[in-house]
Amino acid sequence: MTITVLDPTHETGASGFQPADRLTSLQGATVGIVSNGKKGTKPFFDAFERELRQSHGVAEVVRLTKANYSAPVERELLDKAQKWNALVAGIGD
């Protein structure tokens, strides 16, 4: 029996990126929540949205759902995220 070990790294390596600056406060911010669309996300994100608004003063919460729970997010959705101050992505079963 032969065992083959695969190298999961990409041959060209990952390009560098600069993480976004951290927000000092969520007060008045717009926060996007991107769900994978499974049923377990709705009650969790309902509670999370309430917490963001009540405890952190978030002005607007934008909730969107990916078209396919197992695929990467669509370009159109990422384009919308450019207008948000923060984004939370979540999964649920």
Protein backbone atom coordinates (compact mmCIF):
# COMPACT_ATOMS: atom_id res chain seq x y z
CA MET A 1 0.00 0.00 0.00
CA THR A 2 1.31 3.43 -0.94
CA ILE A 3 0.49 6.58 0.99
CA THR A 4 0.62 9.85 -0.93
CA VAL A 5 1.13 13.04 1.06
CA LEU A 6 -0.16 16.19 -0.64
CA ASP A 7 1.19 19.68 -0.07
CA PRO A 8 -1.80 22.04 0.47
CA THR A 9 0.14 25.21 -0.24
CA HIS A 10 -0.29 27.10 -3.48
CA GLU A 11 2.77 26.95 -5.68
CA THR A 12 2.97 30.73 -6.12
CA GLY A 13 2.39 31.54 -2.46
CA ALA A 14 -0.13 33.93 -0.97
CA SER A 15 0.01 37.58 -1.81
CA GLY A 16 0.43 39.94 1.10
CA PHE A 17 -2.41 42.07 2.34
CA GLN A 18 -2.96 44.82 4.84
CA PRO A 19 -5.68 44.15 7.40
CA ALA A 20 -8.24 46.89 7.86
CA ASP A 21 -7.78 49.30 10.75
CA ARG A 22 -9.75 48.31 13.82
CA LEU A 23 -12.77 50.40 14.67
CA THR A 24 -12.49 52.26 17.95
CA SER A 25 -16.25 51.98 18.43
CA LEU A 26 -19.29 50.50 16.74
CA GLN A 27 -21.37 53.53 17.72
CA GLY A 28 -23.16 54.77 14.57
CA ALA A 29 -21.52 52.13 12.37
CA THR A 30 -22.98 50.05 9.58
CA VAL A 31 -22.31 46.36 10.11
CA GLY A 32 -22.90 43.73 7.44
CA ILE A 33 -23.78 40.18 8.35
CA VAL A 34 -23.24 37.60 5.64
CA SER A 35 -24.94 34.27 6.24
CA ASN A 36 -24.36 30.99 4.47
CA GLY A 37 -28.15 30.55 4.45
CA LYS A 38 -28.47 27.48 6.61
CA LYS A 39 -31.39 27.56 9.03
CA GLY A 40 -29.23 27.71 12.17
CA THR A 41 -27.92 31.15 11.29
CA LYS A 42 -31.22 33.04 11.49
CA PRO A 43 -31.91 32.85 15.24
CA PHE A 44 -28.25 33.42 16.06
CA PHE A 45 -27.97 36.47 13.81
CA ASP A 46 -31.31 37.82 15.10
CA ALA A 47 -29.85 37.84 18.63
CA PHE A 48 -26.49 39.14 17.38
CA GLU A 49 -28.17 42.03 15.57
CA ARG A 50 -30.12 42.98 18.71
CA GLU A 51 -26.88 42.96 20.70
CA LEU A 52 -25.08 45.12 18.14
CA ARG A 53 -27.87 47.71 18.18
CA GLN A 54 -28.67 47.75 21.91
CA SER A 55 -25.25 47.34 23.48
CA HIS A 56 -22.94 48.86 20.89
CA GLY A 57 -25.03 51.59 19.24
CA VAL A 58 -24.78 50.20 15.71
CA ALA A 59 -26.86 52.42 13.42
CA GLU A 60 -27.53 49.94 10.64
CA VAL A 61 -27.24 46.19 10.19
CA VAL A 62 -27.28 44.86 6.63
CA ARG A 63 -28.04 41.15 6.40
CA LEU A 64 -27.30 39.24 3.23
CA THR A 65 -27.24 35.55 2.38
CA LYS A 66 -24.87 33.84 -0.01
CA ALA A 67 -26.49 32.10 -2.98
CA ASN A 68 -24.66 28.84 -2.30
CA TYR A 69 -23.67 27.91 1.25
CA SER A 70 -20.64 25.88 0.17
CA ALA A 71 -19.19 28.32 -2.39
CA PRO A 72 -17.22 31.52 -1.87
CA VAL A 73 -19.20 34.73 -1.57
CA GLU A 74 -20.38 36.36 -4.79
CA ARG A 75 -18.57 39.41 -6.20
CA GLU A 76 -21.76 41.53 -6.04
CA LEU A 77 -22.04 40.89 -2.32
CA LEU A 78 -18.40 41.82 -1.76
CA ASP A 79 -18.96 45.03 -3.70
CA LYS A 80 -21.78 45.97 -1.30
CA ALA A 81 -19.48 45.31 1.65
CA GLN A 82 -17.23 48.19 0.57
CA LYS A 83 -19.84 50.56 2.07
CA TRP A 84 -19.91 48.90 5.50
CA ASN A 85 -17.75 49.70 8.52
CA ALA A 86 -17.54 46.06 9.60
CA LEU A 87 -18.53 42.64 8.31
CA VAL A 88 -19.36 39.43 10.13
CA ALA A 89 -19.56 36.15 8.22
CA GLY A 90 -21.22 33.15 9.78
CA ILE A 91 -22.30 29.61 9.24
CA GLY A 92 -24.93 27.47 10.86
CA ASP A 93 -26.62 24.12 10.65
